[in-house]
Amino acid sequence: MSSFNSQYVKRALFTASLGIVFTGLSACGEPVEKMEPATVLETSTVAAQATVPEIISQAEAKYAEAAALSHAWTTTRTLIEQARAALEAGDAGKARALAEQALATAVASVEQAGVEAQAWQSRVPQ
């Protein structure tokens, strides 16, 4: 498989995975019309215009925000570390893909924290 097709398949799988995550989040008790729109699409647009170190910094900032909300995903920290390692190894393409994925998971974890802040109430027996 060519490099282009491989990257396309990876991005398609990643996008589908995010869709599943957000679908699952919307099923956590909050009606869909009350939820904030996902910002991952906006984030990916910003990431496309940023350098890899900038994307890593953005991911770290979002990760810190999620940690402050007690909703940091360990996957995000791993992706940030892998992106840094790939950048240091000189593999800019891999570093960018990992950094973008880290940023997307960090954004998703912050959004999950917001959803859970409200949704837990619907799960408490009355």
PDB file of N, CA and C in Angstrom:
ATOM      1  N   MET A   1       0.857  -1.170   0.000  1.00  0.00           N
ATOM      2  CA  MET A   1       0.000   0.000   0.000  1.00  0.00           C
ATOM      3  C   MET A   1       0.901   1.230   0.000  1.00  0.00           C
ATOM      4  N   SER A   2       0.583   2.210  -0.782  1.00  0.00           N
ATOM      5  CA  SER A   2       1.419   3.407  -0.861  1.00  0.00           C
ATOM      6  C   SER A   2       1.296   4.229   0.416  1.00  0.00           C
ATOM      7  N   SER A   3       2.239   5.125   0.619  1.00  0.00           N
ATOM      8  CA  SER A   3       2.252   5.959   1.809  1.00  0.00           C
ATOM      9  C   SER A   3       0.993   6.823   1.887  1.00  0.00           C
ATOM     10  N   PHE A   4       0.562   7.342   0.737  1.00  0.00           N
ATOM     11  CA  PHE A   4      -0.639   8.171   0.716  1.00  0.00           C
ATOM     12  C   PHE A   4      -1.855   7.369   1.163  1.00  0.00           C
ATOM     13  N   ASN A   5      -2.039   6.190   0.601  1.00  0.00           N
ATOM     14  CA  ASN A   5      -3.181   5.362   0.970  1.00  0.00           C
ATOM     15  C   ASN A   5      -3.123   4.957   2.431  1.00  0.00           C
ATOM     16  N   SER A   6      -1.949   4.650   2.932  1.00  0.00           N
ATOM     17  CA  SER A   6      -1.786   4.264   4.326  1.00  0.00           C
ATOM     18  C   SER A   6      -2.184   5.415   5.248  1.00  0.00           C
ATOM     19  N   GLN A   7      -1.731   6.611   4.928  1.00  0.00           N
ATOM     20  CA  GLN A   7      -2.088   7.766   5.741  1.00  0.00           C
ATOM     21  C   GLN A   7      -3.586   8.043   5.665  1.00  0.00           C
ATOM     22  N   TYR A   8      -4.162   7.874   4.491  1.00  0.00           N
ATOM     23  CA  TYR A   8      -5.590   8.109   4.324  1.00  0.00           C
ATOM     24  C   TYR A   8      -6.387   7.117   5.169  1.00  0.00           C
ATOM     25  N   VAL A   9      -5.987   5.868   5.151  1.00  0.00           N
ATOM     26  CA  VAL A   9      -6.682   4.836   5.913  1.00  0.00           C
ATOM     27  C   VAL A   9      -6.549   5.116   7.406  1.00  0.00           C
ATOM     28  N   LYS A  10      -5.351   5.480   7.854  1.00  0.00           N
ATOM     29  CA  LYS A  10      -5.157   5.771   9.275  1.00  0.00           C
ATOM     30  C   LYS A  10      -6.026   6.947   9.714  1.00  0.00           C
ATOM     31  N   ARG A  11      -6.064   7.989   8.902  1.00  0.00           N
ATOM     32  CA  ARG A  11      -6.883   9.155   9.258  1.00  0.00           C
ATOM     33  C   ARG A  11      -8.370   8.827   9.247  1.00  0.00           C
ATOM     34  N   ALA A  12      -8.790   8.006   8.289  1.00  0.00           N
ATOM     35  CA  ALA A  12     -10.200   7.615   8.224  1.00  0.00           C
ATOM     36  C   ALA A  12     -10.567   6.799   9.458  1.00  0.00           C
ATOM     37  N   LEU A  13      -9.699   5.871   9.856  1.00  0.00           N
ATOM     38  CA  LEU A  13      -9.962   5.075  11.056  1.00  0.00           C
ATOM     39  C   LEU A  13      -9.973   5.949  12.304  1.00  0.00           C
ATOM     40  N   PHE A  14      -9.046   6.892  12.370  1.00  0.00           N
ATOM     41  CA  PHE A  14      -8.996   7.780  13.515  1.00  0.00           C
ATOM     42  C   PHE A  14     -10.263   8.631  13.596  1.00  0.00           C
ATOM     43  N   THR A  15     -10.699   9.173  12.461  1.00  0.00           N
ATOM     44  CA  THR A  15     -11.919   9.982  12.422  1.00  0.00           C
ATOM     45  C   THR A  15     -13.137   9.154  12.825  1.00  0.00           C
ATOM     46  N   ALA A  16     -13.210   7.930  12.339  1.00  0.00           N
ATOM     47  CA  ALA A  16     -14.322   7.047  12.709  1.00  0.00           C
ATOM     48  C   ALA A  16     -14.291   6.752  14.200  1.00  0.00           C
ATOM     49  N   SER A  17     -13.096   6.554  14.757  1.00  0.00           N
ATOM     50  CA  SER A  17     -12.972   6.286  16.189  1.00  0.00           C
ATOM     51  C   SER A  17     -13.465   7.467  17.009  1.00  0.00           C
ATOM     52  N   LEU A  18     -13.104   8.675  16.587  1.00  0.00           N
ATOM     53  CA  LEU A  18     -13.585   9.857  17.301  1.00  0.00           C
ATOM     54  C   LEU A  18     -15.102   9.960  17.226  1.00  0.00           C
ATOM     55  N   GLY A  19     -15.658   9.620  16.077  1.00  0.00           N
ATOM     56  CA  GLY A  19     -17.116   9.627  15.940  1.00  0.00           C
ATOM     57  C   GLY A  19     -17.769   8.680  16.921  1.00  0.00           C
ATOM     58  N   ILE A  20     -17.169   7.526  17.101  1.00  0.00           N
ATOM     59  CA  ILE A  20     -17.700   6.547  18.053  1.00  0.00           C
ATOM     60  C   ILE A  20     -17.599   7.078  19.474  1.00  0.00           C
ATOM     61  N   VAL A  21     -16.469   7.715  19.800  1.00  0.00           N
ATOM     62  CA  VAL A  21     -16.294   8.276  21.138  1.00  0.00           C
ATOM     63  C   VAL A  21     -17.365   9.325  21.412  1.00  0.00           C
ATOM     64  N   PHE A  22     -17.560  10.241  20.460  1.00  0.00           N
ATOM     65  CA  PHE A  22     -18.533  11.297  20.678  1.00  0.00           C
ATOM     66  C   PHE A  22     -19.958  10.765  20.680  1.00  0.00           C
ATOM     67  N   THR A  23     -20.226   9.735  19.931  1.00  0.00           N
ATOM     68  CA  THR A  23     -21.545   9.109  19.977  1.00  0.00           C
ATOM     69  C   THR A  23     -21.773   8.509  21.351  1.00  0.00           C
ATOM     70  N   GLY A  24     -20.750   7.861  21.877  1.00  0.00           N
ATOM     71  CA  GLY A  24     -20.850   7.294  23.216  1.00  0.00           C
ATOM     72  C   GLY A  24     -21.052   8.366  24.264  1.00  0.00           C
ATOM     73  N   LEU A  25     -20.357   9.491  24.114  1.00  0.00           N
ATOM     74  CA  LEU A  25     -20.530  10.577  25.062  1.00  0.00           C
ATOM     75  C   LEU A  25     -21.941  11.141  25.016  1.00  0.00           C
ATOM     76  N   SER A  26     -22.511  11.207  23.837  1.00  0.00           N
ATOM     77  CA  SER A  26     -23.858  11.762  23.732  1.00  0.00           C
ATOM     78  C   SER A  26     -24.882  10.832  24.354  1.00  0.00           C
ATOM     79  N   ALA A  27     -24.527   9.584  24.537  1.00  0.00           N
ATOM     80  CA  ALA A  27     -25.445   8.625  25.145  1.00  0.00           C
ATOM     81  C   ALA A  27     -25.307   8.590  26.660  1.00  0.00           C
ATOM     82  N   CYS A  28     -24.506   9.477  27.229  1.00  0.00           N
ATOM     83  CA  CYS A  28     -24.255   9.471  28.669  1.00  0.00           C
ATOM     84  C   CYS A  28     -25.330  10.188  29.470  1.00  0.00           C
ATOM     85  N   GLY A  29     -26.481  10.402  28.914  1.00  0.00           N
ATOM     86  CA  GLY A  29     -27.565  10.987  29.685  1.00  0.00           C
ATOM     87  C   GLY A  29     -27.990  12.359  29.222  1.00  0.00           C
ATOM     88  N   GLU A  30     -27.180  13.061  28.500  1.00  0.00           N
ATOM     89  CA  GLU A  30     -27.533  14.383  28.020  1.00  0.00           C
ATOM     90  C   GLU A  30     -28.161  14.269  26.639  1.00  0.00           C
ATOM     91  N   PRO A  31     -29.299  14.897  26.427  1.00  0.00           N
ATOM     92  CA  PRO A  31     -29.846  14.915  25.072  1.00  0.00           C
ATOM     93  C   PRO A  31     -28.860  15.596  24.125  1.00  0.00           C
ATOM     94  N   VAL A  32     -28.804  15.122  22.916  1.00  0.00           N
ATOM     95  CA  VAL A  32     -27.838  15.625  21.938  1.00  0.00           C
ATOM     96  C   VAL A  32     -28.005  17.123  21.710  1.00  0.00           C
ATOM     97  N   GLU A  33     -29.225  17.612  21.687  1.00  0.00           N
ATOM     98  CA  GLU A  33     -29.422  19.029  21.395  1.00  0.00           C
ATOM     99  C   GLU A  33     -28.909  19.937  22.508  1.00  0.00           C
ATOM    100  N   LYS A  34     -28.643  19.407  23.716  1.00  0.00           N
ATOM    101  CA  LYS A  34     -28.116  20.215  24.803  1.00  0.00           C
ATOM    102  C   LYS A  34     -26.591  20.225  24.843  1.00  0.00           C
ATOM    103  N   MET A  35     -25.959  19.355  24.081  1.00  0.00           N
ATOM    104  CA  MET A  35     -24.505  19.250  24.120  1.00  0.00           C
ATOM    105  C   MET A  35     -23.848  20.336  23.279  1.00  0.00           C
ATOM    106  N   GLU A  36     -22.666  20.732  23.717  1.00  0.00           N
ATOM    107  CA  GLU A  36     -21.860  21.664  22.939  1.00  0.00           C
ATOM    108  C   GLU A  36     -21.344  20.943  21.702  1.00  0.00           C
ATOM    109  N   PRO A  37     -21.234  21.636  20.565  1.00  0.00           N
ATOM    110  CA  PRO A  37     -20.688  20.975  19.380  1.00  0.00           C
ATOM    111  C   PRO A  37     -19.230  20.607  19.597  1.00  0.00           C
ATOM    112  N   ALA A  38     -18.822  19.486  19.062  1.00  0.00           N
ATOM    113  CA  ALA A  38     -17.454  19.006  19.215  1.00  0.00           C
ATOM    114  C   ALA A  38     -16.473  19.984  18.575  1.00  0.00           C
ATOM    115  N   THR A  39     -15.347  20.170  19.225  1.00  0.00           N
ATOM    116  CA  THR A  39     -14.357  21.114  18.715  1.00  0.00           C
ATOM    117  C   THR A  39     -13.192  20.416  18.032  1.00  0.00           C
ATOM    118  N   VAL A  40     -13.260  19.103  17.882  1.00  0.00           N
ATOM    119  CA  VAL A  40     -12.155  18.382  17.261  1.00  0.00           C
ATOM    120  C   VAL A  40     -11.962  18.825  15.822  1.00  0.00           C
ATOM    121  N   LEU A  41     -13.059  19.052  15.100  1.00  0.00           N
ATOM    122  CA  LEU A  41     -12.943  19.495  13.715  1.00  0.00           C
ATOM    123  C   LEU A  41     -12.250  20.839  13.648  1.00  0.00           C
ATOM    124  N   GLU A  42     -12.626  21.755  14.539  1.00  0.00           N
ATOM    125  CA  GLU A  42     -11.969  23.055  14.585  1.00  0.00           C
ATOM    126  C   GLU A  42     -10.491  22.887  14.942  1.00  0.00           C
ATOM    127  N   THR A  43     -10.211  22.003  15.871  1.00  0.00           N
ATOM    128  CA  THR A  43      -8.843  21.756  16.298  1.00  0.00           C
ATOM    129  C   THR A  43      -8.007  21.216  15.158  1.00  0.00           C
ATOM    130  N   SER A  44      -8.577  20.309  14.360  1.00  0.00           N
ATOM    131  CA  SER A  44      -7.806  19.742  13.257  1.00  0.00           C
ATOM    132  C   SER A  44      -7.503  20.801  12.200  1.00  0.00           C
ATOM    133  N   THR A  45      -8.395  21.766  12.028  1.00  0.00           N
ATOM    134  CA  THR A  45      -8.141  22.856  11.082  1.00  0.00           C
ATOM    135  C   THR A  45      -6.994  23.719  11.582  1.00  0.00           C
ATOM    136  N   VAL A  46      -6.996  24.031  12.868  1.00  0.00           N
ATOM    137  CA  VAL A  46      -5.921  24.823  13.462  1.00  0.00           C
ATOM    138  C   VAL A  46      -4.612  24.049  13.377  1.00  0.00           C
ATOM    139  N   ALA A  47      -4.675  22.738  13.679  1.00  0.00           N
ATOM    140  CA  ALA A  47      -3.464  21.919  13.671  1.00  0.00           C
ATOM    141  C   ALA A  47      -2.849  21.847  12.279  1.00  0.00           C
ATOM    142  N   ALA A  48      -3.657  21.897  11.249  1.00  0.00           N
ATOM    143  CA  ALA A  48      -3.140  21.819   9.886  1.00  0.00           C
ATOM    144  C   ALA A  48      -2.267  23.028   9.555  1.00  0.00           C
ATOM    145  N   GLN A  49      -2.495  24.142  10.235  1.00  0.00           N
ATOM    146  CA  GLN A  49      -1.746  25.361   9.961  1.00  0.00           C
ATOM    147  C   GLN A  49      -0.591  25.568  10.948  1.00  0.00           C
ATOM    148  N   ALA A  50      -0.485  24.704  11.960  1.00  0.00           N
ATOM    149  CA  ALA A  50       0.525  24.875  12.995  1.00  0.00           C
ATOM    150  C   ALA A  50       1.715  23.950  12.753  1.00  0.00           C
ATOM    151  N   THR A  51       2.831  24.301  13.382  1.00  0.00           N
ATOM    152  CA  THR A  51       3.999  23.425  13.329  1.00  0.00           C
ATOM    153  C   THR A  51       3.815  22.290  14.331  1.00  0.00           C
ATOM    154  N   VAL A  52       4.598  21.248  14.196  1.00  0.00           N
ATOM    155  CA  VAL A  52       4.483  20.101  15.105  1.00  0.00           C
ATOM    156  C   VAL A  52       4.736  20.508  16.556  1.00  0.00           C
ATOM    157  N   PRO A  53       5.783  21.280  16.860  1.00  0.00           N
ATOM    158  CA  PRO A  53       5.964  21.702  18.255  1.00  0.00           C
ATOM    159  C   PRO A  53       4.778  22.514  18.793  1.00  0.00           C
ATOM    160  N   GLU A  54       4.160  23.323  17.942  1.00  0.00           N
ATOM    161  CA  GLU A  54       2.975  24.087  18.365  1.00  0.00           C
ATOM    162  C   GLU A  54       1.816  23.150  18.682  1.00  0.00           C
ATOM    163  N   ILE A  55       1.628  22.129  17.850  1.00  0.00           N
ATOM    164  CA  ILE A  55       0.542  21.170  18.077  1.00  0.00           C
ATOM    165  C   ILE A  55       0.788  20.415  19.378  1.00  0.00           C
ATOM    166  N   ILE A  56       2.043  20.028  19.614  1.00  0.00           N
ATOM    167  CA  ILE A  56       2.375  19.330  20.863  1.00  0.00           C
ATOM    168  C   ILE A  56       2.086  20.239  22.057  1.00  0.00           C
ATOM    169  N   SER A  57       2.438  21.504  21.947  1.00  0.00           N
ATOM    170  CA  SER A  57       2.159  22.461  23.038  1.00  0.00           C
ATOM    171  C   SER A  57       0.662  22.610  23.272  1.00  0.00           C
ATOM    172  N   GLN A  58      -0.106  22.681  22.190  1.00  0.00           N
ATOM    173  CA  GLN A  58      -1.560  22.775  22.322  1.00  0.00           C
ATOM    174  C   GLN A  58      -2.117  21.521  23.004  1.00  0.00           C
ATOM    175  N   ALA A  59      -1.599  20.359  22.608  1.00  0.00           N
ATOM    176  CA  ALA A  59      -2.053  19.104  23.206  1.00  0.00           C
ATOM    177  C   ALA A  59      -1.719  19.066  24.693  1.00  0.00           C
ATOM    178  N   GLU A  60      -0.524  19.539  25.047  1.00  0.00           N
ATOM    179  CA  GLU A  60      -0.134  19.562  26.459  1.00  0.00           C
ATOM    180  C   GLU A  60      -1.016  20.503  27.268  1.00  0.00           C
ATOM    181  N   ALA A  61      -1.354  21.647  26.685  1.00  0.00           N
ATOM    182  CA  ALA A  61      -2.219  22.597  27.381  1.00  0.00           C
ATOM    183  C   ALA A  61      -3.611  22.001  27.611  1.00  0.00           C
ATOM    184  N   LYS A  62      -4.160  21.359  26.582  1.00  0.00           N
ATOM    185  CA  LYS A  62      -5.475  20.724  26.723  1.00  0.00           C
ATOM    186  C   LYS A  62      -5.413  19.565  27.706  1.00  0.00           C
ATOM    187  N   TYR A  63      -4.298  18.815  27.682  1.00  0.00           N
ATOM    188  CA  TYR A  63      -4.114  17.703  28.613  1.00  0.00           C
ATOM    189  C   TYR A  63      -4.092  18.226  30.047  1.00  0.00           C
ATOM    190  N   ALA A  64      -3.403  19.345  30.274  1.00  0.00           N
ATOM    191  CA  ALA A  64      -3.356  19.954  31.603  1.00  0.00           C
ATOM    192  C   ALA A  64      -4.749  20.412  32.032  1.00  0.00           C
ATOM    193  N   GLU A  65      -5.500  20.962  31.082  1.00  0.00           N
ATOM    194  CA  GLU A  65      -6.877  21.381  31.377  1.00  0.00           C
ATOM    195  C   GLU A  65      -7.721  20.171  31.776  1.00  0.00           C
ATOM    196  N   ALA A  66      -7.584  19.073  31.047  1.00  0.00           N
ATOM    197  CA  ALA A  66      -8.323  17.849  31.362  1.00  0.00           C
ATOM    198  C   ALA A  66      -7.902  17.305  32.724  1.00  0.00           C
ATOM    199  N   ALA A  67      -6.615  17.365  33.025  1.00  0.00           N
ATOM    200  CA  ALA A  67      -6.123  16.881  34.320  1.00  0.00           C
ATOM    201  C   ALA A  67      -6.701  17.717  35.462  1.00  0.00           C
ATOM    202  N   ALA A  68      -6.805  19.019  35.242  1.00  0.00           N
ATOM    203  CA  ALA A  68      -7.392  19.896  36.261  1.00  0.00           C
ATOM    204  C   ALA A  68      -8.864  19.555  36.508  1.00  0.00           C
ATOM    205  N   LEU A  69      -9.516  19.001  35.484  1.00  0.00           N
ATOM    206  CA  LEU A  69     -10.918  18.596  35.601  1.00  0.00           C
ATOM    207  C   LEU A  69     -11.054  17.132  36.025  1.00  0.00           C
ATOM    208  N   SER A  70      -9.928  16.499  36.332  1.00  0.00           N
ATOM    209  CA  SER A  70      -9.862  15.068  36.700  1.00  0.00           C
ATOM    210  C   SER A  70     -10.386  14.160  35.600  1.00  0.00           C
ATOM    211  N   HIS A  71     -10.119  14.533  34.356  1.00  0.00           N
ATOM    212  CA  HIS A  71     -10.558  13.740  33.210  1.00  0.00           C
ATOM    213  C   HIS A  71      -9.458  13.527  32.179  1.00  0.00           C
ATOM    214  N   ALA A  72      -8.203  13.568  32.598  1.00  0.00           N
ATOM    215  CA  ALA A  72      -7.105  13.362  31.658  1.00  0.00           C
ATOM    216  C   ALA A  72      -7.052  11.899  31.237  1.00  0.00           C
ATOM    217  N   TRP A  73      -6.873  11.677  29.961  1.00  0.00           N
ATOM    218  CA  TRP A  73      -6.752  10.317  29.433  1.00  0.00           C
ATOM    219  C   TRP A  73      -5.276   9.963  29.353  1.00  0.00           C
ATOM    220  N   THR A  74      -4.910   8.785  29.842  1.00  0.00           N
ATOM    221  CA  THR A  74      -3.510   8.365  29.793  1.00  0.00           C
ATOM    222  C   THR A  74      -3.028   8.214  28.356  1.00  0.00           C
ATOM    223  N   THR A  75      -3.935   7.913  27.459  1.00  0.00           N
ATOM    224  CA  THR A  75      -3.587   7.784  26.045  1.00  0.00           C
ATOM    225  C   THR A  75      -2.995   9.088  25.508  1.00  0.00           C
ATOM    226  N   THR A  76      -3.525  10.201  25.944  1.00  0.00           N
ATOM    227  CA  THR A  76      -3.041  11.494  25.469  1.00  0.00           C
ATOM    228  C   THR A  76      -1.587  11.709  25.857  1.00  0.00           C
ATOM    229  N   ARG A  77      -1.243  11.429  27.106  1.00  0.00           N
ATOM    230  CA  ARG A  77       0.145  11.604  27.566  1.00  0.00           C
ATOM    231  C   ARG A  77       1.079  10.731  26.741  1.00  0.00           C
ATOM    232  N   THR A  78       0.677   9.472  26.486  1.00  0.00           N
ATOM    233  CA  THR A  78       1.491   8.559  25.682  1.00  0.00           C
ATOM    234  C   THR A  78       1.690   9.099  24.274  1.00  0.00           C
ATOM    235  N   LEU A  79       0.626   9.605  23.664  1.00  0.00           N
ATOM    236  CA  LEU A  79       0.718  10.151  22.315  1.00  0.00           C
ATOM    237  C   LEU A  79       1.633  11.374  22.255  1.00  0.00           C
ATOM    238  N   ILE A  80       1.573  12.212  23.272  1.00  0.00           N
ATOM    239  CA  ILE A  80       2.445  13.393  23.328  1.00  0.00           C
ATOM    240  C   ILE A  80       3.911  12.951  23.395  1.00  0.00           C
ATOM    241  N   GLU A  81       4.192  11.973  24.244  1.00  0.00           N
ATOM    242  CA  GLU A  81       5.564  11.469  24.367  1.00  0.00           C
ATOM    243  C   GLU A  81       6.034  10.836  23.062  1.00  0.00           C
ATOM    244  N   GLN A  82       5.162  10.082  22.402  1.00  0.00           N
ATOM    245  CA  GLN A  82       5.527   9.461  21.130  1.00  0.00           C
ATOM    246  C   GLN A  82       5.758  10.518  20.049  1.00  0.00           C
ATOM    247  N   ALA A  83       4.961  11.567  20.042  1.00  0.00           N
ATOM    248  CA  ALA A  83       5.122  12.648  19.063  1.00  0.00           C
ATOM    249  C   ALA A  83       6.466  13.341  19.269  1.00  0.00           C
ATOM    250  N   ARG A  84       6.814  13.607  20.513  1.00  0.00           N
ATOM    251  CA  ARG A  84       8.111  14.229  20.808  1.00  0.00           C
ATOM    252  C   ARG A  84       9.263  13.346  20.353  1.00  0.00           C
ATOM    253  N   ALA A  85       9.154  12.049  20.631  1.00  0.00           N
ATOM    254  CA  ALA A  85      10.215  11.112  20.253  1.00  0.00           C
ATOM    255  C   ALA A  85      10.364  11.050  18.728  1.00  0.00           C
ATOM    256  N   ALA A  86       9.242  11.029  18.020  1.00  0.00           N
ATOM    257  CA  ALA A  86       9.289  10.987  16.556  1.00  0.00           C
ATOM    258  C   ALA A  86       9.894  12.276  16.000  1.00  0.00           C
ATOM    259  N   LEU A  87       9.565  13.404  16.614  1.00  0.00           N
ATOM    260  CA  LEU A  87      10.125  14.682  16.176  1.00  0.00           C
ATOM    261  C   LEU A  87      11.642  14.704  16.391  1.00  0.00           C
ATOM    262  N   GLU A  88      12.086  14.225  17.544  1.00  0.00           N
ATOM    263  CA  GLU A  88      13.524  14.186  17.839  1.00  0.00           C
ATOM    264  C   GLU A  88      14.254  13.225  16.909  1.00  0.00           C
ATOM    265  N   ALA A  89      13.543  12.154  16.479  1.00  0.00           N
ATOM    266  CA  ALA A  89      14.146  11.180  15.569  1.00  0.00           C
ATOM    267  C   ALA A  89      14.160  11.673  14.126  1.00  0.00           C
ATOM    268  N   GLY A  90      13.512  12.811  13.882  1.00  0.00           N
ATOM    269  CA  GLY A  90      13.504  13.393  12.545  1.00  0.00           C
ATOM    270  C   GLY A  90      12.373  12.919  11.656  1.00  0.00           C
ATOM    271  N   ASP A  91      11.406  12.217  12.213  1.00  0.00           N
ATOM    272  CA  ASP A  91      10.257  11.726  11.437  1.00  0.00           C
ATOM    273  C   ASP A  91       9.096  12.713  11.593  1.00  0.00           C
ATOM    274  N   ALA A  92       9.135  13.776  10.811  1.00  0.00           N
ATOM    275  CA  ALA A  92       8.159  14.863  10.946  1.00  0.00           C
ATOM    276  C   ALA A  92       6.734  14.404  10.640  1.00  0.00           C
ATOM    277  N   GLY A  93       6.567  13.545   9.661  1.00  0.00           N
ATOM    278  CA  GLY A  93       5.223  13.078   9.310  1.00  0.00           C
ATOM    279  C   GLY A  93       4.585  12.287  10.435  1.00  0.00           C
ATOM    280  N   LYS A  94       5.344  11.383  11.007  1.00  0.00           N
ATOM    281  CA  LYS A  94       4.834  10.580  12.128  1.00  0.00           C
ATOM    282  C   LYS A  94       4.589  11.467  13.342  1.00  0.00           C
ATOM    283  N   ALA A  95       5.500  12.403  13.577  1.00  0.00           N
ATOM    284  CA  ALA A  95       5.354  13.316  14.710  1.00  0.00           C
ATOM    285  C   ALA A  95       4.083  14.147  14.570  1.00  0.00           C
ATOM    286  N   ARG A  96       3.808  14.641  13.361  1.00  0.00           N
ATOM    287  CA  ARG A  96       2.595  15.439  13.135  1.00  0.00           C
ATOM    288  C   ARG A  96       1.343  14.600  13.376  1.00  0.00           C
ATOM    289  N   ALA A  97       1.317  13.393  12.846  1.00  0.00           N
ATOM    290  CA  ALA A  97       0.144  12.527  13.016  1.00  0.00           C
ATOM    291  C   ALA A  97      -0.094  12.222  14.493  1.00  0.00           C
ATOM    292  N   LEU A  98       0.964  11.905  15.224  1.00  0.00           N
ATOM    293  CA  LEU A  98       0.827  11.613  16.651  1.00  0.00           C
ATOM    294  C   LEU A  98       0.420  12.856  17.442  1.00  0.00           C
ATOM    295  N   ALA A  99       0.987  14.000  17.098  1.00  0.00           N
ATOM    296  CA  ALA A  99       0.645  15.244  17.791  1.00  0.00           C
ATOM    297  C   ALA A  99      -0.811  15.613  17.543  1.00  0.00           C
ATOM    298  N   GLU A 100      -1.282  15.463  16.307  1.00  0.00           N
ATOM    299  CA  GLU A 100      -2.685  15.761  16.003  1.00  0.00           C
ATOM    300  C   GLU A 100      -3.611  14.810  16.746  1.00  0.00           C
ATOM    301  N   GLN A 101      -3.222  13.552  16.830  1.00  0.00           N
ATOM    302  CA  GLN A 101      -4.043  12.576  17.555  1.00  0.00           C
ATOM    303  C   GLN A 101      -4.045  12.906  19.048  1.00  0.00           C
ATOM    304  N   ALA A 102      -2.907  13.309  19.586  1.00  0.00           N
ATOM    305  CA  ALA A 102      -2.834  13.705  20.993  1.00  0.00           C
ATOM    306  C   ALA A 102      -3.735  14.903  21.259  1.00  0.00           C
ATOM    307  N   LEU A 103      -3.697  15.872  20.362  1.00  0.00           N
ATOM    308  CA  LEU A 103      -4.543  17.053  20.528  1.00  0.00           C
ATOM    309  C   LEU A 103      -6.024  16.687  20.461  1.00  0.00           C
ATOM    310  N   ALA A 104      -6.375  15.825  19.533  1.00  0.00           N
ATOM    311  CA  ALA A 104      -7.780  15.410  19.406  1.00  0.00           C
ATOM    312  C   ALA A 104      -8.253  14.664  20.651  1.00  0.00           C
ATOM    313  N   THR A 105      -7.425  13.788  21.203  1.00  0.00           N
ATOM    314  CA  THR A 105      -7.848  13.062  22.406  1.00  0.00           C
ATOM    315  C   THR A 105      -7.902  13.987  23.615  1.00  0.00           C
ATOM    316  N   ALA A 106      -7.013  14.970  23.661  1.00  0.00           N
ATOM    317  CA  ALA A 106      -7.053  15.938  24.764  1.00  0.00           C
ATOM    318  C   ALA A 106      -8.330  16.767  24.711  1.00  0.00           C
ATOM    319  N   VAL A 107      -8.697  17.207  23.522  1.00  0.00           N
ATOM    320  CA  VAL A 107      -9.939  17.967  23.354  1.00  0.00           C
ATOM    321  C   VAL A 107     -11.138  17.094  23.736  1.00  0.00           C
ATOM    322  N   ALA A 108     -11.133  15.851  23.301  1.00  0.00           N
ATOM    323  CA  ALA A 108     -12.241  14.943  23.611  1.00  0.00           C
ATOM    324  C   ALA A 108     -12.348  14.710  25.116  1.00  0.00           C
ATOM    325  N   SER A 109     -11.220  14.621  25.808  1.00  0.00           N
ATOM    326  CA  SER A 109     -11.275  14.390  27.253  1.00  0.00           C
ATOM    327  C   SER A 109     -11.840  15.598  27.997  1.00  0.00           C
ATOM    328  N   VAL A 110     -11.514  16.792  27.524  1.00  0.00           N
ATOM    329  CA  VAL A 110     -12.083  18.003  28.134  1.00  0.00           C
ATOM    330  C   VAL A 110     -13.589  18.045  27.880  1.00  0.00           C
ATOM    331  N   GLU A 111     -13.996  17.692  26.664  1.00  0.00           N
ATOM    332  CA  GLU A 111     -15.426  17.667  26.361  1.00  0.00           C
ATOM    333  C   GLU A 111     -16.141  16.615  27.199  1.00  0.00           C
ATOM    334  N   GLN A 112     -15.502  15.474  27.399  1.00  0.00           N
ATOM    335  CA  GLN A 112     -16.104  14.435  28.227  1.00  0.00           C
ATOM    336  C   GLN A 112     -16.298  14.946  29.659  1.00  0.00           C
ATOM    337  N   ALA A 113     -15.327  15.682  30.165  1.00  0.00           N
ATOM    338  CA  ALA A 113     -15.447  16.242  31.509  1.00  0.00           C
ATOM    339  C   ALA A 113     -16.669  17.148  31.603  1.00  0.00           C
ATOM    340  N   GLY A 114     -16.883  17.961  30.574  1.00  0.00           N
ATOM    341  CA  GLY A 114     -18.054  18.846  30.571  1.00  0.00           C
ATOM    342  C   GLY A 114     -19.365  18.070  30.530  1.00  0.00           C
ATOM    343  N   VAL A 115     -19.403  17.042  29.718  1.00  0.00           N
ATOM    344  CA  VAL A 115     -20.618  16.212  29.621  1.00  0.00           C
ATOM    345  C   VAL A 115     -20.878  15.510  30.946  1.00  0.00           C
ATOM    346  N   GLU A 116     -19.830  14.928  31.514  1.00  0.00           N
ATOM    347  CA  GLU A 116     -19.987  14.185  32.762  1.00  0.00           C
ATOM    348  C   GLU A 116     -20.355  15.089  33.928  1.00  0.00           C
ATOM    349  N   ALA A 117     -19.950  16.341  33.890  1.00  0.00           N
ATOM    350  CA  ALA A 117     -20.302  17.269  34.957  1.00  0.00           C
ATOM    351  C   ALA A 117     -21.814  17.421  35.080  1.00  0.00           C
ATOM    352  N   GLN A 118     -22.518  17.249  33.974  1.00  0.00           N
ATOM    353  CA  GLN A 118     -23.975  17.340  33.975  1.00  0.00           C
ATOM    354  C   GLN A 118     -24.650  15.970  33.968  1.00  0.00           C
ATOM    355  N   ALA A 119     -24.100  15.033  33.218  1.00  0.00           N
ATOM    356  CA  ALA A 119     -24.768  13.759  32.975  1.00  0.00           C
ATOM    357  C   ALA A 119     -24.847  12.857  34.197  1.00  0.00           C
ATOM    358  N   TRP A 120     -23.929  12.972  35.129  1.00  0.00           N
ATOM    359  CA  TRP A 120     -23.942  12.074  36.278  1.00  0.00           C
ATOM    360  C   TRP A 120     -25.247  12.192  37.063  1.00  0.00           C
ATOM    361  N   GLN A 121     -25.842  13.373  37.035  1.00  0.00           N
ATOM    362  CA  GLN A 121     -27.067  13.584  37.789  1.00  0.00           C
ATOM    363  C   GLN A 121     -28.217  12.722  37.292  1.00  0.00           C
ATOM    364  N   SER A 122     -28.231  12.447  35.997  1.00  0.00           N
ATOM    365  CA  SER A 122     -29.312  11.620  35.456  1.00  0.00           C
ATOM    366  C   SER A 122     -29.131  10.154  35.807  1.00  0.00           C
ATOM    367  N   ARG A 123     -27.954   9.767  36.298  1.00  0.00           N
ATOM    368  CA  ARG A 123     -27.700   8.371  36.651  1.00  0.00           C
ATOM    369  C   ARG A 123     -27.959   8.080  38.125  1.00  0.00           C
ATOM    370  N   VAL A 124     -28.207   9.102  38.912  1.00  0.00           N
ATOM    371  CA  VAL A 124     -28.441   8.914  40.344  1.00  0.00           C
ATOM    372  C   VAL A 124     -29.907   8.512  40.541  1.00  0.00           C
ATOM    373  N   PRO A 125     -30.130   7.388  41.229  1.00  0.00           N
ATOM    374  CA  PRO A 125     -31.534   6.977  41.463  1.00  0.00           C
ATOM    375  C   PRO A 125     -32.269   8.039  42.271  1.00  0.00           C
ATOM    376  N   GLN A 126     -33.516   8.226  41.901  1.00  0.00           N
ATOM    377  CA  GLN A 126     -34.299   9.253  42.581  1.00  0.00           C
ATOM    378  C   GLN A 126     -35.367   8.655  43.454  1.00  0.00           C
TER     379      GLN A 126
END
